[in-house]
Amino acid sequence: MEHHRRPIRTEAQPGPVVFVVDDDDGMRSALQRLLTLAKLPVEPYASGVEFLAAAKFDRPGCILLDVSMPQMSGLEVQASLKQKQVSLPIVFLTGLSDIPIAVAAMREGATDFIEKPFDNEDLVARVRAAIEQHEQTRRGDAERLEIVARAQKLTPREREVMNHVVTGLTSKEIARVVGASHRTVEIHRARLMEKMAAATLADLVRMHLLQTQGERSES
């Protein structure tokens, strides 16, 4: 199999990247041309083994992954990525006989599968949709981390007051629950709103929900 060339990658490479993993030289080259014409940066790999060894997964984008490959199948690559906790969306490329395998891959978290032969415009559109999904996920993760960092600056009493505020209790009701004066609760409430950078109660509730959803997904 002849060696193929990949674009030089740098840590500062902007924008999303499409990882194309396919052992068929002709298919891999065709996909690279198609995606490059669509102004999407591409990194082609001739095998799952090469891909897992050389690719860097800390960028937005998606993986266009062939189901049937020697050495390591698409499903095996998917399982390895899952074990590494790689969040990049996977779009499988399948032949007609591979559809049951692709359905199984979707159950394991794949974003989409595209049957060969495919329509070029349809493939590009679905790749773009997968990239957008990943970018939204990354933005959500970054926002969640920022919210967690803000919450860690709260004192135990401020955190306690926040937990009551987001349930809809008034300051007077919270004062009765925690055994403090109404004025003290008002001070805690003002400070926690400032520390959380919440302009409104709705902002605080949304932040609290994002934080607790993140904690549930990690547990």
C-alpha atoms as a PDB file:
ATOM      1  CA  MET A   1       0.000   0.000   0.000  1.00  0.00           C
ATOM      2  CA  GLU A   2       1.520   3.337  -0.952  1.00  0.00           C
ATOM      3  CA  HIS A   3       2.183   5.951   1.666  1.00  0.00           C
ATOM      4  CA  HIS A   4      -0.193   8.891   1.744  1.00  0.00           C
ATOM      5  CA  ARG A   5       0.633  12.404   2.849  1.00  0.00           C
ATOM      6  CA  ARG A   6      -1.144  14.236   5.625  1.00  0.00           C
ATOM      7  CA  PRO A   7      -1.245  17.991   6.113  1.00  0.00           C
ATOM      8  CA  ILE A   8       1.301  19.286   8.600  1.00  0.00           C
ATOM      9  CA  ARG A   9      -0.457  19.696  11.934  1.00  0.00           C
ATOM     10  CA  THR A  10       0.356  22.331  14.497  1.00  0.00           C
ATOM     11  CA  GLU A  11      -0.981  22.920  17.994  1.00  0.00           C
ATOM     12  CA  ALA A  12      -2.455  26.239  16.832  1.00  0.00           C
ATOM     13  CA  GLN A  13      -4.309  24.775  13.838  1.00  0.00           C
ATOM     14  CA  PRO A  14      -7.645  26.607  13.814  1.00  0.00           C
ATOM     15  CA  GLY A  15     -11.073  25.224  13.162  1.00  0.00           C
ATOM     16  CA  PRO A  16     -12.476  21.712  13.058  1.00  0.00           C
ATOM     17  CA  VAL A  17     -10.839  18.717  11.403  1.00  0.00           C
ATOM     18  CA  VAL A  18     -12.327  15.634   9.740  1.00  0.00           C
ATOM     19  CA  PHE A  19     -10.420  12.441  10.461  1.00  0.00           C
ATOM     20  CA  VAL A  20     -10.952  10.086   7.521  1.00  0.00           C
ATOM     21  CA  VAL A  21     -10.137   6.470   8.427  1.00  0.00           C
ATOM     22  CA  ASP A  22     -10.453   4.076   5.487  1.00  0.00           C
ATOM     23  CA  ASP A  23      -8.132   1.325   4.228  1.00  0.00           C
ATOM     24  CA  ASP A  24      -9.248   1.828   0.602  1.00  0.00           C
ATOM     25  CA  ASP A  25      -6.739   4.203  -1.024  1.00  0.00           C
ATOM     26  CA  GLY A  26      -9.170   5.363  -3.720  1.00  0.00           C
ATOM     27  CA  MET A  27     -12.020   6.006  -1.281  1.00  0.00           C
ATOM     28  CA  ARG A  28      -9.740   7.790   1.164  1.00  0.00           C
ATOM     29  CA  SER A  29      -8.368  10.078  -1.574  1.00  0.00           C
ATOM     30  CA  ALA A  30     -11.852  10.788  -2.936  1.00  0.00           C
ATOM     31  CA  LEU A  31     -13.123  11.723   0.532  1.00  0.00           C
ATOM     32  CA  GLN A  32     -10.115  13.946   1.111  1.00  0.00           C
ATOM     33  CA  ARG A  33     -10.712  15.790  -2.185  1.00  0.00           C
ATOM     34  CA  LEU A  34     -14.431  16.169  -1.497  1.00  0.00           C
ATOM     35  CA  LEU A  35     -13.989  17.525   2.023  1.00  0.00           C
ATOM     36  CA  THR A  36     -11.095  19.784   1.029  1.00  0.00           C
ATOM     37  CA  LEU A  37     -13.272  21.319  -1.711  1.00  0.00           C
ATOM     38  CA  ALA A  38     -15.875  21.918   1.000  1.00  0.00           C
ATOM     39  CA  LYS A  39     -13.159  23.838   2.906  1.00  0.00           C
ATOM     40  CA  LEU A  40     -12.949  21.288   5.693  1.00  0.00           C
ATOM     41  CA  PRO A  41      -9.440  20.373   6.953  1.00  0.00           C
ATOM     42  CA  VAL A  42      -8.846  16.636   6.538  1.00  0.00           C
ATOM     43  CA  GLU A  43      -6.488  14.137   8.140  1.00  0.00           C
ATOM     44  CA  PRO A  44      -6.549  10.782   6.304  1.00  0.00           C
ATOM     45  CA  TYR A  45      -5.491   7.496   7.889  1.00  0.00           C
ATOM     46  CA  ALA A  46      -5.157   4.117   6.191  1.00  0.00           C
ATOM     47  CA  SER A  47      -6.000   2.052   9.267  1.00  0.00           C
ATOM     48  CA  GLY A  48      -7.541   2.240  12.696  1.00  0.00           C
ATOM     49  CA  VAL A  49      -4.200   1.307  14.243  1.00  0.00           C
ATOM     50  CA  GLU A  50      -2.436   4.234  12.560  1.00  0.00           C
ATOM     51  CA  PHE A  51      -5.278   6.591  13.459  1.00  0.00           C
ATOM     52  CA  LEU A  52      -5.271   5.697  17.160  1.00  0.00           C
ATOM     53  CA  ALA A  53      -1.485   5.954  17.335  1.00  0.00           C
ATOM     54  CA  ALA A  54      -1.018   9.280  15.533  1.00  0.00           C
ATOM     55  CA  ALA A  55      -4.164  11.429  15.747  1.00  0.00           C
ATOM     56  CA  LYS A  56      -4.653  14.181  18.306  1.00  0.00           C
ATOM     57  CA  PHE A  57      -8.186  14.286  19.669  1.00  0.00           C
ATOM     58  CA  ASP A  58      -8.177  17.630  21.485  1.00  0.00           C
ATOM     59  CA  ARG A  59      -9.741  19.577  18.602  1.00  0.00           C
ATOM     60  CA  PRO A  60     -13.302  20.031  17.378  1.00  0.00           C
ATOM     61  CA  GLY A  61     -14.355  17.967  14.368  1.00  0.00           C
ATOM     62  CA  CYS A  62     -15.567  14.468  13.587  1.00  0.00           C
ATOM     63  CA  ILE A  63     -14.355  11.033  12.541  1.00  0.00           C
ATOM     64  CA  LEU A  64     -15.400   9.535   9.206  1.00  0.00           C
ATOM     65  CA  LEU A  65     -14.769   5.862   9.904  1.00  0.00           C
ATOM     66  CA  ASP A  66     -15.073   2.857   7.600  1.00  0.00           C
ATOM     67  CA  VAL A  67     -16.834  -0.106   9.222  1.00  0.00           C
ATOM     68  CA  SER A  68     -14.963  -2.935   7.472  1.00  0.00           C
ATOM     69  CA  MET A  69     -11.178  -2.696   7.679  1.00  0.00           C
ATOM     70  CA  PRO A  70      -8.422  -5.296   8.150  1.00  0.00           C
ATOM     71  CA  GLN A  71      -6.342  -5.383  11.352  1.00  0.00           C
ATOM     72  CA  MET A  72      -8.892  -3.350  13.292  1.00  0.00           C
ATOM     73  CA  SER A  73     -12.551  -2.922  12.378  1.00  0.00           C
ATOM     74  CA  GLY A  74     -14.481   0.307  12.716  1.00  0.00           C
ATOM     75  CA  LEU A  75     -16.309  -1.069  15.752  1.00  0.00           C
ATOM     76  CA  GLU A  76     -13.008  -1.929  17.417  1.00  0.00           C
ATOM     77  CA  VAL A  77     -11.749   1.601  16.743  1.00  0.00           C
ATOM     78  CA  GLN A  78     -14.971   2.978  18.232  1.00  0.00           C
ATOM     79  CA  ALA A  79     -14.543   0.822  21.344  1.00  0.00           C
ATOM     80  CA  SER A  80     -10.959   2.044  21.779  1.00  0.00           C
ATOM     81  CA  LEU A  81     -12.026   5.680  21.413  1.00  0.00           C
ATOM     82  CA  LYS A  82     -14.759   5.131  23.987  1.00  0.00           C
ATOM     83  CA  GLN A  83     -12.211   3.655  26.393  1.00  0.00           C
ATOM     84  CA  LYS A  84      -9.980   6.711  25.860  1.00  0.00           C
ATOM     85  CA  GLN A  85     -13.039   8.941  26.512  1.00  0.00           C
ATOM     86  CA  VAL A  86     -12.683  10.664  23.126  1.00  0.00           C
ATOM     87  CA  SER A  87     -15.778  12.788  22.550  1.00  0.00           C
ATOM     88  CA  LEU A  88     -15.391  13.327  18.795  1.00  0.00           C
ATOM     89  CA  PRO A  89     -18.560  12.294  16.934  1.00  0.00           C
ATOM     90  CA  ILE A  90     -18.207   9.241  14.688  1.00  0.00           C
ATOM     91  CA  VAL A  91     -19.872   8.982  11.273  1.00  0.00           C
ATOM     92  CA  PHE A  92     -19.543   5.441   9.923  1.00  0.00           C
ATOM     93  CA  LEU A  93     -19.136   4.614   6.244  1.00  0.00           C
ATOM     94  CA  THR A  94     -20.872   1.354   5.411  1.00  0.00           C
ATOM     95  CA  GLY A  95     -21.546  -0.997   2.547  1.00  0.00           C
ATOM     96  CA  LEU A  96     -24.992  -2.547   2.155  1.00  0.00           C
ATOM     97  CA  SER A  97     -23.992  -5.675   4.088  1.00  0.00           C
ATOM     98  CA  ASP A  98     -22.594  -3.560   6.946  1.00  0.00           C
ATOM     99  CA  ILE A  99     -25.858  -1.853   7.925  1.00  0.00           C
ATOM    100  CA  PRO A 100     -26.602  -4.152  10.921  1.00  0.00           C
ATOM    101  CA  ILE A 101     -23.079  -3.400  12.180  1.00  0.00           C
ATOM    102  CA  ALA A 102     -23.663   0.336  11.716  1.00  0.00           C
ATOM    103  CA  VAL A 103     -26.913   0.110  13.692  1.00  0.00           C
ATOM    104  CA  ALA A 104     -24.973  -1.590  16.501  1.00  0.00           C
ATOM    105  CA  ALA A 105     -22.416   1.226  16.306  1.00  0.00           C
ATOM    106  CA  MET A 106     -25.191   3.802  16.712  1.00  0.00           C
ATOM    107  CA  ARG A 107     -26.302   2.011  19.880  1.00  0.00           C
ATOM    108  CA  GLU A 108     -22.737   2.430  21.153  1.00  0.00           C
ATOM    109  CA  GLY A 109     -22.813   6.171  20.568  1.00  0.00           C
ATOM    110  CA  ALA A 110     -21.999   6.759  16.890  1.00  0.00           C
ATOM    111  CA  THR A 111     -23.589   9.929  15.537  1.00  0.00           C
ATOM    112  CA  ASP A 112     -24.538   8.758  12.042  1.00  0.00           C
ATOM    113  CA  PHE A 113     -23.801   6.238   9.310  1.00  0.00           C
ATOM    114  CA  ILE A 114     -23.626   6.818   5.575  1.00  0.00           C
ATOM    115  CA  GLU A 115     -24.125   4.069   3.008  1.00  0.00           C
ATOM    116  CA  LYS A 116     -21.823   3.647   0.026  1.00  0.00           C
ATOM    117  CA  PRO A 117     -22.220   4.769  -2.681  1.00  0.00           C
ATOM    118  CA  PHE A 118     -23.109   8.135  -1.163  1.00  0.00           C
ATOM    119  CA  ASP A 119     -24.252  11.487  -2.485  1.00  0.00           C
ATOM    120  CA  ASN A 120     -21.400  13.977  -2.129  1.00  0.00           C
ATOM    121  CA  GLU A 121     -23.534  16.909  -0.974  1.00  0.00           C
ATOM    122  CA  ASP A 122     -25.380  14.719   1.513  1.00  0.00           C
ATOM    123  CA  LEU A 123     -22.116  13.423   2.990  1.00  0.00           C
ATOM    124  CA  VAL A 124     -20.685  16.934   3.397  1.00  0.00           C
ATOM    125  CA  ALA A 125     -23.913  18.154   5.006  1.00  0.00           C
ATOM    126  CA  ARG A 126     -23.934  15.286   7.501  1.00  0.00           C
ATOM    127  CA  VAL A 127     -20.266  15.774   8.334  1.00  0.00           C
ATOM    128  CA  ARG A 128     -20.921  19.481   8.961  1.00  0.00           C
ATOM    129  CA  ALA A 129     -23.868  18.568  11.215  1.00  0.00           C
ATOM    130  CA  ALA A 130     -21.645  16.216  13.234  1.00  0.00           C
ATOM    131  CA  ILE A 131     -18.982  18.934  13.589  1.00  0.00           C
ATOM    132  CA  GLU A 132     -21.564  21.483  14.736  1.00  0.00           C
ATOM    133  CA  GLN A 133     -22.873  18.992  17.298  1.00  0.00           C
ATOM    134  CA  HIS A 134     -19.355  18.500  18.650  1.00  0.00           C
ATOM    135  CA  GLU A 135     -18.648  22.231  18.810  1.00  0.00           C
ATOM    136  CA  GLN A 136     -21.877  22.758  20.771  1.00  0.00           C
ATOM    137  CA  THR A 137     -20.865  19.973  23.157  1.00  0.00           C
ATOM    138  CA  ARG A 138     -17.416  21.511  23.636  1.00  0.00           C
ATOM    139  CA  ARG A 139     -18.942  24.937  24.309  1.00  0.00           C
ATOM    140  CA  GLY A 140     -21.284  23.361  26.851  1.00  0.00           C
ATOM    141  CA  ASP A 141     -18.409  21.527  28.538  1.00  0.00           C
ATOM    142  CA  ALA A 142     -16.345  24.723  28.731  1.00  0.00           C
ATOM    143  CA  GLU A 143     -19.289  26.633  30.204  1.00  0.00           C
ATOM    144  CA  ARG A 144     -19.899  23.864  32.752  1.00  0.00           C
ATOM    145  CA  LEU A 145     -16.255  23.950  33.851  1.00  0.00           C
ATOM    146  CA  GLU A 146     -16.451  27.729  34.278  1.00  0.00           C
ATOM    147  CA  ILE A 147     -19.614  27.408  36.367  1.00  0.00           C
ATOM    148  CA  VAL A 148     -18.005  24.735  38.563  1.00  0.00           C
ATOM    149  CA  ALA A 149     -14.979  27.011  39.070  1.00  0.00           C
ATOM    150  CA  ARG A 150     -17.245  29.873  40.149  1.00  0.00           C
ATOM    151  CA  ALA A 151     -19.242  27.621  42.491  1.00  0.00           C
ATOM    152  CA  GLN A 152     -16.019  26.506  44.197  1.00  0.00           C
ATOM    153  CA  LYS A 153     -15.488  30.115  45.315  1.00  0.00           C
ATOM    154  CA  LEU A 154     -18.735  30.071  47.303  1.00  0.00           C
ATOM    155  CA  THR A 155     -18.607  29.663  51.061  1.00  0.00           C
ATOM    156  CA  PRO A 156     -20.529  26.694  52.527  1.00  0.00           C
ATOM    157  CA  ARG A 157     -23.308  29.047  53.665  1.00  0.00           C
ATOM    158  CA  GLU A 158     -23.488  30.756  50.264  1.00  0.00           C
ATOM    159  CA  ARG A 159     -23.758  27.339  48.617  1.00  0.00           C
ATOM    160  CA  GLU A 160     -26.523  26.393  51.036  1.00  0.00           C
ATOM    161  CA  VAL A 161     -28.400  29.603  50.269  1.00  0.00           C
ATOM    162  CA  MET A 162     -27.989  29.033  46.526  1.00  0.00           C
ATOM    163  CA  ASN A 163     -29.456  25.537  46.802  1.00  0.00           C
ATOM    164  CA  HIS A 164     -32.547  27.060  48.380  1.00  0.00           C
ATOM    165  CA  VAL A 165     -32.721  30.058  46.014  1.00  0.00           C
ATOM    166  CA  VAL A 166     -32.869  27.835  42.924  1.00  0.00           C
ATOM    167  CA  THR A 167     -35.861  25.946  44.349  1.00  0.00           C
ATOM    168  CA  GLY A 168     -37.812  29.223  44.421  1.00  0.00           C
ATOM    169  CA  LEU A 169     -37.662  30.057  48.126  1.00  0.00           C
ATOM    170  CA  THR A 170     -37.688  33.749  49.078  1.00  0.00           C
ATOM    171  CA  SER A 171     -35.007  35.239  51.311  1.00  0.00           C
ATOM    172  CA  LYS A 172     -37.429  35.275  54.254  1.00  0.00           C
ATOM    173  CA  GLU A 173     -38.231  31.579  53.721  1.00  0.00           C
ATOM    174  CA  ILE A 174     -34.541  30.712  53.426  1.00  0.00           C
ATOM    175  CA  ALA A 175     -33.823  32.652  56.630  1.00  0.00           C
ATOM    176  CA  ARG A 176     -36.294  30.460  58.509  1.00  0.00           C
ATOM    177  CA  VAL A 177     -34.849  27.254  57.024  1.00  0.00           C
ATOM    178  CA  VAL A 178     -31.171  28.024  57.745  1.00  0.00           C
ATOM    179  CA  GLY A 179     -31.747  29.836  61.027  1.00  0.00           C
ATOM    180  CA  ALA A 180     -30.346  33.204  59.987  1.00  0.00           C
ATOM    181  CA  SER A 181     -31.725  36.718  59.731  1.00  0.00           C
ATOM    182  CA  HIS A 182     -33.391  37.956  56.579  1.00  0.00           C
ATOM    183  CA  ARG A 183     -30.651  40.587  56.205  1.00  0.00           C
ATOM    184  CA  THR A 184     -27.880  37.967  56.476  1.00  0.00           C
ATOM    185  CA  VAL A 185     -29.523  35.820  53.795  1.00  0.00           C
ATOM    186  CA  GLU A 186     -29.855  38.871  51.548  1.00  0.00           C
ATOM    187  CA  ILE A 187     -26.107  39.520  51.910  1.00  0.00           C
ATOM    188  CA  HIS A 188     -25.273  35.877  51.113  1.00  0.00           C
ATOM    189  CA  ARG A 189     -27.624  35.988  48.151  1.00  0.00           C
ATOM    190  CA  ALA A 190     -26.051  39.143  46.728  1.00  0.00           C
ATOM    191  CA  ARG A 191     -22.545  37.732  47.153  1.00  0.00           C
ATOM    192  CA  LEU A 192     -23.330  34.389  45.543  1.00  0.00           C
ATOM    193  CA  MET A 193     -25.031  36.097  42.594  1.00  0.00           C
ATOM    194  CA  GLU A 194     -21.876  38.201  42.129  1.00  0.00           C
ATOM    195  CA  LYS A 195     -19.497  35.229  42.460  1.00  0.00           C
ATOM    196  CA  MET A 196     -21.570  33.145  40.019  1.00  0.00           C
ATOM    197  CA  ALA A 197     -21.796  36.119  37.590  1.00  0.00           C
ATOM    198  CA  ALA A 198     -25.566  35.607  37.479  1.00  0.00           C
ATOM    199  CA  ALA A 199     -27.491  38.720  36.427  1.00  0.00           C
ATOM    200  CA  THR A 200     -30.897  37.175  37.147  1.00  0.00           C
ATOM    201  CA  LEU A 201     -32.453  34.332  39.101  1.00  0.00           C
ATOM    202  CA  ALA A 202     -33.044  32.546  35.776  1.00  0.00           C
ATOM    203  CA  ASP A 203     -29.284  32.729  35.078  1.00  0.00           C
ATOM    204  CA  LEU A 204     -28.551  31.179  38.465  1.00  0.00           C
ATOM    205  CA  VAL A 205     -31.080  28.381  37.958  1.00  0.00           C
ATOM    206  CA  ARG A 206     -29.618  27.568  34.518  1.00  0.00           C
ATOM    207  CA  MET A 207     -26.091  27.491  35.947  1.00  0.00           C
ATOM    208  CA  HIS A 208     -27.173  25.253  38.811  1.00  0.00           C
ATOM    209  CA  LEU A 209     -28.852  22.851  36.363  1.00  0.00           C
ATOM    210  CA  LEU A 210     -25.743  22.707  34.141  1.00  0.00           C
ATOM    211  CA  GLN A 211     -23.570  22.037  37.165  1.00  0.00           C
ATOM    212  CA  THR A 212     -25.769  19.236  38.532  1.00  0.00           C
ATOM    213  CA  GLN A 213     -26.191  17.655  35.081  1.00  0.00           C
ATOM    214  CA  GLY A 214     -22.408  17.555  34.750  1.00  0.00           C
ATOM    215  CA  GLU A 215     -22.059  15.937  38.176  1.00  0.00           C
ATOM    216  CA  ARG A 216     -24.664  13.285  37.282  1.00  0.00           C
ATOM    217  CA  SER A 217     -22.969  12.475  33.954  1.00  0.00           C
ATOM    218  CA  GLU A 218     -19.613  12.007  35.731  1.00  0.00           C
ATOM    219  CA  SER A 219     -21.017   9.745  38.471  1.00  0.00           C
END
